């Protein structure tokens, strides 16, 4: 096996390495307490103190995360409200434009229908008039 087989991935982030360091430090502290030449009562007191400190730090971290989450929530909610308002305004503008276009087209279609009706009636009248004026001649027999 070569040197490359034992190398760690160089992509590890600093936060991951720091996490491993803190975990290792915590394990080392616990082992130091367990193997220290102290009486049982002192050892239990030290473990209880370390536990309380860990719980306090966890609560502080949880509170800090909760505060940041609340801030992110408010910022996101405000931004979403702004986007919704802009979208609603744009949709209203588009809907108004569509209504106006439909009204214009509706007027144009109605005018075309009326013009078609008038042209039909005029042609019908002309056809009827030409049929009355030119009566067929049934008496003329030509081959």
N, C-alpha and C. Protein backbone atom coordinates (compact mmCIF):
# COMPACT_ATOMS: atom_id res chain seq x y z
N UNK A 1 0.84 -1.18 0.00
CA UNK A 1 0.00 0.00 0.00
C UNK A 1 0.89 1.24 0.00
N UNK A 2 0.50 2.21 -0.76
CA UNK A 2 1.30 3.42 -0.87
C UNK A 2 0.88 4.49 0.11
N UNK A 3 1.60 5.58 0.03
CA UNK A 3 1.35 6.72 0.91
C UNK A 3 -0.06 7.26 0.71
N UNK A 4 -0.54 7.26 -0.52
CA UNK A 4 -1.85 7.81 -0.82
C UNK A 4 -2.98 7.03 -0.17
N UNK A 5 -2.77 5.76 0.11
CA UNK A 5 -3.82 4.95 0.72
C UNK A 5 -4.11 5.38 2.15
N UNK A 6 -3.11 5.95 2.82
CA UNK A 6 -3.29 6.33 4.22
C UNK A 6 -3.65 7.80 4.41
N UNK A 7 -3.59 8.55 3.33
CA UNK A 7 -3.92 9.99 3.45
C UNK A 7 -5.41 10.16 3.68
N UNK A 8 -5.72 11.14 4.47
CA UNK A 8 -7.13 11.48 4.69
C UNK A 8 -7.61 12.33 3.54
N UNK A 9 -8.89 12.36 3.39
CA UNK A 9 -9.48 13.19 2.34
C UNK A 9 -9.17 14.64 2.65
N UNK A 10 -8.60 15.34 1.69
CA UNK A 10 -8.22 16.74 1.92
C UNK A 10 -9.44 17.65 1.89
N UNK A 11 -10.60 17.11 1.62
CA UNK A 11 -11.81 17.91 1.55
C UNK A 11 -12.47 18.13 2.91
N UNK A 12 -11.89 17.58 3.99
CA UNK A 12 -12.49 17.80 5.31
C UNK A 12 -12.54 19.28 5.62
N UNK A 13 -13.65 19.70 6.14
CA UNK A 13 -13.78 21.11 6.46
C UNK A 13 -13.23 21.40 7.85
N UNK A 14 -13.00 22.64 8.11
CA UNK A 14 -12.46 23.07 9.40
C UNK A 14 -13.45 22.74 10.52
N UNK A 15 -14.75 22.91 10.25
CA UNK A 15 -15.74 22.64 11.29
C UNK A 15 -15.76 21.16 11.67
N UNK A 16 -15.56 20.30 10.71
CA UNK A 16 -15.52 18.86 11.00
C UNK A 16 -14.31 18.53 11.86
N UNK A 17 -13.18 19.09 11.51
CA UNK A 17 -11.96 18.85 12.30
C UNK A 17 -12.10 19.42 13.72
N UNK A 18 -12.71 20.59 13.82
CA UNK A 18 -12.91 21.20 15.14
C UNK A 18 -13.86 20.34 15.98
N UNK A 19 -14.88 19.80 15.36
CA UNK A 19 -15.82 18.92 16.07
C UNK A 19 -15.10 17.69 16.61
N UNK A 20 -14.26 17.09 15.78
CA UNK A 20 -13.50 15.91 16.24
C UNK A 20 -12.56 16.29 17.40
N UNK A 21 -11.95 17.46 17.33
CA UNK A 21 -11.06 17.90 18.40
C UNK A 21 -11.83 18.06 19.71
N UNK A 22 -13.01 18.67 19.65
CA UNK A 22 -13.81 18.87 20.86
C UNK A 22 -14.29 17.54 21.43
N UNK A 23 -14.70 16.63 20.58
CA UNK A 23 -15.14 15.31 21.06
C UNK A 23 -13.97 14.59 21.73
N UNK A 24 -12.82 14.64 21.10
CA UNK A 24 -11.64 14.01 21.69
C UNK A 24 -11.26 14.64 23.02
N UNK A 25 -11.37 15.96 23.10
CA UNK A 25 -11.07 16.65 24.37
C UNK A 25 -12.04 16.24 25.45
N UNK A 26 -13.33 16.10 25.10
CA UNK A 26 -14.33 15.68 26.08
C UNK A 26 -14.07 14.28 26.58
N UNK A 27 -13.73 13.40 25.67
CA UNK A 27 -13.43 12.01 26.07
C UNK A 27 -12.19 11.99 26.96
N UNK A 28 -11.20 12.79 26.61
CA UNK A 28 -9.98 12.85 27.43
C UNK A 28 -10.28 13.39 28.83
N UNK A 29 -11.14 14.40 28.93
CA UNK A 29 -11.48 14.97 30.23
C UNK A 29 -12.20 13.94 31.09
N UNK A 30 -13.11 13.19 30.49
CA UNK A 30 -13.84 12.17 31.24
C UNK A 30 -12.88 11.08 31.73
N UNK A 31 -11.99 10.65 30.88
CA UNK A 31 -11.02 9.64 31.29
C UNK A 31 -10.09 10.16 32.39
N UNK A 32 -9.72 11.43 32.29
CA UNK A 32 -8.86 12.01 33.33
C UNK A 32 -9.58 12.02 34.67
N UNK A 33 -10.89 12.34 34.65
CA UNK A 33 -11.65 12.33 35.90
C UNK A 33 -11.77 10.93 36.47
N UNK A 34 -12.00 9.96 35.60
CA UNK A 34 -12.19 8.60 36.08
C UNK A 34 -10.90 7.99 36.64
N UNK A 35 -9.78 8.34 36.07
CA UNK A 35 -8.52 7.74 36.53
C UNK A 35 -7.75 8.62 37.50
N UNK A 36 -8.29 9.76 37.87
CA UNK A 36 -7.60 10.65 38.82
C UNK A 36 -7.68 10.04 40.23
N UNK A 37 -6.62 10.24 41.02
CA UNK A 37 -6.64 9.70 42.39
C UNK A 37 -7.48 10.57 43.32
N UNK A 38 -8.80 10.43 43.21
CA UNK A 38 -9.72 11.18 44.07
C UNK A 38 -10.64 10.19 44.75
N UNK A 39 -11.28 10.68 45.77
CA UNK A 39 -12.25 9.82 46.46
C UNK A 39 -13.52 9.74 45.60
N UNK A 40 -14.35 8.78 45.87
CA UNK A 40 -15.59 8.58 45.12
C UNK A 40 -16.50 9.79 45.18
N UNK A 41 -16.56 10.42 46.37
CA UNK A 41 -17.44 11.58 46.54
C UNK A 41 -16.93 12.76 45.71
N UNK A 42 -15.63 13.00 45.70
CA UNK A 42 -15.06 14.09 44.91
C UNK A 42 -15.27 13.82 43.41
N UNK A 43 -15.06 12.58 43.03
CA UNK A 43 -15.22 12.21 41.62
C UNK A 43 -16.67 12.41 41.17
N UNK A 44 -17.62 12.00 42.00
CA UNK A 44 -19.04 12.20 41.64
C UNK A 44 -19.37 13.68 41.56
N UNK A 45 -18.80 14.48 42.44
CA UNK A 45 -19.02 15.94 42.40
C UNK A 45 -18.45 16.54 41.14
N UNK A 46 -17.23 16.11 40.76
CA UNK A 46 -16.62 16.62 39.53
C UNK A 46 -17.44 16.23 38.30
N UNK A 47 -17.91 14.99 38.29
CA UNK A 47 -18.74 14.54 37.16
C UNK A 47 -20.05 15.33 37.11
N UNK A 48 -20.65 15.57 38.28
CA UNK A 48 -21.90 16.36 38.33
C UNK A 48 -21.66 17.78 37.84
N UNK A 49 -20.53 18.40 38.23
CA UNK A 49 -20.20 19.75 37.76
C UNK A 49 -20.00 19.78 36.25
N UNK A 50 -19.27 18.81 35.76
CA UNK A 50 -19.03 18.75 34.31
C UNK A 50 -20.34 18.54 33.56
N UNK A 51 -21.21 17.72 34.13
CA UNK A 51 -22.50 17.48 33.49
C UNK A 51 -23.34 18.76 33.47
N UNK A 52 -23.36 19.48 34.61
CA UNK A 52 -24.12 20.75 34.67
C UNK A 52 -23.58 21.76 33.66
N UNK A 53 -22.26 21.86 33.57
CA UNK A 53 -21.66 22.79 32.61
C UNK A 53 -22.04 22.40 31.17
N UNK A 54 -22.01 21.11 30.88
CA UNK A 54 -22.40 20.64 29.55
C UNK A 54 -23.85 20.95 29.24
N UNK A 55 -24.71 20.76 30.23
CA UNK A 55 -26.13 21.05 30.04
C UNK A 55 -26.34 22.55 29.84
N UNK A 56 -25.63 23.37 30.63
CA UNK A 56 -25.75 24.83 30.48
C UNK A 56 -25.29 25.28 29.09
N UNK A 57 -24.17 24.73 28.65
CA UNK A 57 -23.67 25.09 27.32
C UNK A 57 -24.65 24.64 26.24
N UNK A 58 -25.23 23.49 26.41
CA UNK A 58 -26.22 22.99 25.43
C UNK A 58 -27.43 23.90 25.39
N UNK A 59 -27.89 24.35 26.56
CA UNK A 59 -29.04 25.27 26.60
C UNK A 59 -28.71 26.60 25.92
N UNK A 60 -27.49 27.11 26.20
CA UNK A 60 -27.09 28.37 25.56
C UNK A 60 -27.03 28.21 24.04
N UNK A 61 -26.46 27.10 23.59
CA UNK A 61 -26.37 26.86 22.15
C UNK A 61 -27.77 26.72 21.54
N UNK A 62 -28.65 26.03 22.24
CA UNK A 62 -30.02 25.86 21.75
C UNK A 62 -30.74 27.21 21.69
N UNK A 63 -30.52 28.04 22.71
CA UNK A 63 -31.15 29.37 22.72
C UNK A 63 -30.62 30.22 21.57
N UNK A 64 -29.31 30.15 21.37
CA UNK A 64 -28.69 30.91 20.27
C UNK A 64 -29.25 30.44 18.92
N UNK A 65 -29.34 29.14 18.73
CA UNK A 65 -29.90 28.60 17.49
C UNK A 65 -31.36 28.99 17.32
N UNK A 66 -32.10 28.99 18.43
CA UNK A 66 -33.50 29.37 18.38
C UNK A 66 -33.65 30.83 17.97
N UNK A 67 -32.80 31.68 18.53
CA UNK A 67 -32.86 33.11 18.19
C UNK A 67 -32.54 33.32 16.71
N UNK A 68 -31.50 32.65 16.23
CA UNK A 68 -31.12 32.80 14.82
C UNK A 68 -32.21 32.24 13.90
N UNK A 69 -32.81 31.13 14.30
CA UNK A 69 -33.89 30.56 13.49
C UNK A 69 -35.07 31.53 13.43
N UNK A 70 -35.37 32.17 14.55
CA UNK A 70 -36.45 33.16 14.57
C UNK A 70 -36.15 34.33 13.66
N UNK A 71 -34.89 34.78 13.66
CA UNK A 71 -34.50 35.88 12.78
C UNK A 71 -34.64 35.48 11.32
N UNK A 72 -34.17 34.27 10.99
CA UNK A 72 -34.28 33.80 9.62
C UNK A 72 -35.75 33.64 9.22
N UNK A 73 -36.56 33.17 10.15
CA UNK A 73 -37.99 33.00 9.86
C UNK A 73 -38.62 34.35 9.55
N UNK A 74 -38.34 35.36 10.37
CA UNK A 74 -38.94 36.68 10.16
C UNK A 74 -38.48 37.27 8.83
N UNK A 75 -37.17 37.17 8.55
CA UNK A 75 -36.66 37.71 7.29
C UNK A 75 -37.29 37.01 6.10
N UNK A 76 -37.42 35.70 6.18
CA UNK A 76 -38.01 34.94 5.09
C UNK A 76 -39.49 35.26 4.94
N UNK A 77 -40.18 35.41 6.06
CA UNK A 77 -41.61 35.73 6.01
C UNK A 77 -41.83 37.11 5.37
N UNK A 78 -40.99 38.09 5.74
CA UNK A 78 -41.12 39.42 5.16
C UNK A 78 -40.85 39.39 3.66
N UNK A 79 -39.81 38.66 3.27
CA UNK A 79 -39.46 38.59 1.85
C UNK A 79 -40.57 37.88 1.07
N UNK A 80 -41.12 36.82 1.64
CA UNK A 80 -42.21 36.11 0.98
C UNK A 80 -43.43 37.02 0.82
N UNK A 81 -43.69 37.84 1.83
CA UNK A 81 -44.80 38.80 1.74
C UNK A 81 -44.58 39.81 0.62
N UNK A 82 -43.34 40.29 0.51
CA UNK A 82 -43.03 41.24 -0.55
C UNK A 82 -43.21 40.60 -1.92
N UNK A 83 -42.70 39.39 -2.07
CA UNK A 83 -42.82 38.69 -3.35
C UNK A 83 -44.28 38.44 -3.69
N UNK A 84 -45.08 38.06 -2.67
CA UNK A 84 -46.51 37.82 -2.90
C UNK A 84 -47.20 39.10 -3.35
N UNK A 85 -46.87 40.21 -2.70
CA UNK A 85 -47.49 41.49 -3.06
C UNK A 85 -47.13 41.88 -4.49
N UNK A 86 -45.85 41.71 -4.85
CA UNK A 86 -45.43 42.04 -6.21
C UNK A 86 -46.12 41.14 -7.23
N UNK A 87 -46.19 39.86 -6.92
CA UNK A 87 -46.83 38.92 -7.85
C UNK A 87 -48.31 39.24 -8.01
N UNK A 88 -48.98 39.55 -6.89
CA UNK A 88 -50.40 39.87 -6.96
C UNK A 88 -50.63 41.12 -7.81
N UNK A 89 -49.76 42.11 -7.66
CA UNK A 89 -49.87 43.33 -8.46
C UNK A 89 -49.68 43.05 -9.93
N UNK A 90 -48.68 42.24 -10.25
CA UNK A 90 -48.42 41.92 -11.65
C UNK A 90 -49.56 41.10 -12.25
N UNK A 91 -50.08 40.17 -11.48
CA UNK A 91 -51.20 39.36 -11.97
C UNK A 91 -52.42 40.24 -12.21
N UNK A 92 -52.64 41.19 -11.31
CA UNK A 92 -53.75 42.12 -11.50
C UNK A 92 -53.59 42.93 -12.78
N UNK A 93 -52.36 43.39 -13.04
CA UNK A 93 -52.09 44.15 -14.27
C UNK A 93 -52.34 43.30 -15.50
N UNK A 94 -51.86 42.06 -15.47
CA UNK A 94 -52.03 41.16 -16.61
C UNK A 94 -53.52 40.86 -16.82
N UNK A 95 -54.24 40.64 -15.73
CA UNK A 95 -55.67 40.36 -15.85
C UNK A 95 -56.41 41.55 -16.43
N UNK A 96 -56.06 42.76 -16.00
CA UNK A 96 -56.70 43.96 -16.54
C UNK A 96 -56.40 44.10 -18.03
N UNK A 97 -55.15 43.85 -18.41
CA UNK A 97 -54.78 43.93 -19.83
C UNK A 97 -55.57 42.90 -20.64
N UNK A 98 -55.71 41.70 -20.09
CA UNK A 98 -56.47 40.65 -20.78
C UNK A 98 -57.93 41.04 -20.93
N UNK A 99 -58.51 41.64 -19.89
CA UNK A 99 -59.91 42.09 -19.97
C UNK A 99 -60.07 43.16 -21.05
N UNK A 100 -59.14 44.11 -21.08
CA UNK A 100 -59.21 45.18 -22.07
C UNK A 100 -59.08 44.61 -23.49
N UNK A 101 -58.13 43.67 -23.67
CA UNK A 101 -57.94 43.07 -25.00
C UNK A 101 -59.18 42.29 -25.41
N UNK A 102 -59.77 41.57 -24.47
CA UNK A 102 -60.98 40.80 -24.78
C UNK A 102 -62.12 41.74 -25.15
N UNK A 103 -62.23 42.87 -24.44
CA UNK A 103 -63.30 43.83 -24.75
C UNK A 103 -63.09 44.42 -26.15
N UNK A 104 -61.82 44.75 -26.48
CA UNK A 104 -61.54 45.28 -27.82
C UNK A 104 -61.85 44.24 -28.89
N UNK A 105 -61.40 43.01 -28.66
CA UNK A 105 -61.66 41.95 -29.64
C UNK A 105 -63.14 41.65 -29.73
N UNK A 106 -63.81 41.67 -28.58
CA UNK A 106 -65.26 41.43 -28.58
C UNK A 106 -65.99 42.48 -29.40
N UNK A 107 -65.60 43.74 -29.28
CA UNK A 107 -66.20 44.81 -30.08
C UNK A 107 -65.92 44.62 -31.56
N UNK A 108 -64.72 44.21 -31.89
CA UNK A 108 -64.34 43.98 -33.29
C UNK A 108 -65.13 42.81 -33.87
N UNK A 109 -65.26 41.74 -33.11
CA UNK A 109 -66.01 40.57 -33.57
C UNK A 109 -67.48 40.92 -33.76
N UNK A 110 -68.04 41.66 -32.81
CA UNK A 110 -69.45 42.05 -32.93
C UNK A 110 -69.67 42.92 -34.16
N UNK A 111 -68.74 43.83 -34.43
CA UNK A 111 -68.86 44.69 -35.61
C UNK A 111 -68.76 43.85 -36.88
N UNK A 112 -67.87 42.85 -36.89
CA UNK A 112 -67.73 41.99 -38.07
C UNK A 112 -69.01 41.17 -38.29
N UNK A 113 -69.58 40.69 -37.22
CA UNK A 113 -70.83 39.92 -37.34
C UNK A 113 -71.94 40.80 -37.90
N UNK A 114 -72.06 42.03 -37.37
CA UNK A 114 -73.09 42.95 -37.88
C UNK A 114 -72.86 43.27 -39.35
N UNK A 115 -71.60 43.50 -39.73
CA UNK A 115 -71.30 43.79 -41.14
C UNK A 115 -71.65 42.59 -42.01
N UNK A 116 -71.38 41.38 -41.54
CA UNK A 116 -71.72 40.17 -42.28
C UNK A 116 -73.22 40.04 -42.45
N UNK A 117 -73.97 40.32 -41.39
CA UNK A 117 -75.43 40.25 -41.48
C UNK A 117 -75.97 41.25 -42.49
N UNK A 118 -75.43 42.46 -42.44
CA UNK A 118 -75.90 43.50 -43.38
C UNK A 118 -75.57 43.11 -44.81
N UNK A 119 -74.36 42.60 -45.04
CA UNK A 119 -73.98 42.20 -46.40
C UNK A 119 -74.86 41.06 -46.88
N UNK A 120 -75.17 40.10 -46.02
CA UNK A 120 -76.04 38.99 -46.39
C UNK A 120 -77.42 39.50 -46.76
N UNK A 121 -77.98 40.40 -45.92
CA UNK A 121 -79.31 40.94 -46.21
C UNK A 121 -79.32 41.74 -47.51
N UNK A 122 -78.26 42.49 -47.77
CA UNK A 122 -78.18 43.28 -49.00
C UNK A 122 -78.12 42.36 -50.23
N UNK A 123 -77.30 41.31 -50.16
CA UNK A 123 -77.21 40.37 -51.28
C UNK A 123 -78.52 39.62 -51.47
N UNK A 124 -79.16 39.28 -50.38
CA UNK A 124 -80.43 38.59 -50.47
C UNK A 124 -81.47 39.49 -51.15
N UNK A 125 -81.49 40.75 -50.76
CA UNK A 125 -82.43 41.71 -51.35
C UNK A 125 -82.14 41.88 -52.84
N UNK A 126 -80.85 41.99 -53.21
CA UNK A 126 -80.49 42.15 -54.64
C UNK A 126 -80.91 40.92 -55.44
N UNK A 127 -80.69 39.75 -54.86
CA UNK A 127 -81.06 38.52 -55.55
C UNK A 127 -82.57 38.45 -55.75
N UNK A 128 -83.30 38.80 -54.73
CA UNK A 128 -84.76 38.78 -54.84
C UNK A 128 -85.25 39.79 -55.86
N UNK A 129 -84.63 40.97 -55.90
CA UNK A 129 -85.04 42.01 -56.85
C UNK A 129 -84.71 41.60 -58.28
N UNK A 130 -83.55 40.99 -58.48
CA UNK A 130 -83.18 40.60 -59.85
C UNK A 130 -84.08 39.46 -60.34
N UNK A 131 -84.56 38.61 -59.45
CA UNK A 131 -85.47 37.53 -59.83
C UNK A 131 -86.82 38.06 -60.21
N UNK A 132 -87.27 39.15 -59.64
CA UNK A 132 -88.58 39.71 -59.97
C UNK A 132 -88.54 40.49 -61.27
N UNK A 133 -87.45 41.15 -61.52
CA UNK A 133 -87.35 41.97 -62.72
C UNK A 133 -87.24 41.08 -63.96
N UNK A 134 -86.42 40.09 -63.93
CA UNK A 134 -86.20 39.22 -65.06
C UNK A 134 -87.08 37.98 -64.91
N UNK A 135 -88.27 38.09 -65.44
CA UNK A 135 -89.18 36.95 -65.40
C UNK A 135 -88.82 36.00 -66.53
N UNK A 136 -88.95 34.75 -66.31
CA UNK A 136 -88.61 33.80 -67.37
C UNK A 136 -89.62 33.90 -68.52
N UNK A 137 -89.13 33.67 -69.71
CA UNK A 137 -89.96 33.70 -70.91
C UNK A 137 -90.27 32.27 -71.32
N UNK A 138 -91.48 31.84 -70.99
CA UNK A 138 -91.86 30.46 -71.25
C UNK A 138 -92.42 30.27 -72.66
N UNK A 139 -92.79 31.34 -73.31
CA UNK A 139 -93.41 31.23 -74.63
C UNK A 139 -92.41 31.10 -75.75
N UNK A 140 -91.19 31.45 -75.58
CA UNK A 140 -90.19 31.41 -76.64
C UNK A 140 -89.59 30.03 -76.70
N UNK A 141 -89.73 29.38 -77.86
CA UNK A 141 -89.16 28.04 -78.01
C UNK A 141 -88.05 28.12 -79.04
N UNK A 142 -86.90 28.13 -78.60
CA UNK A 142 -85.75 28.12 -79.52
C UNK A 142 -84.89 26.92 -79.20
N UNK A 143 -84.35 26.32 -80.23
CA UNK A 143 -83.51 25.13 -80.02
C UNK A 143 -82.10 25.49 -80.00
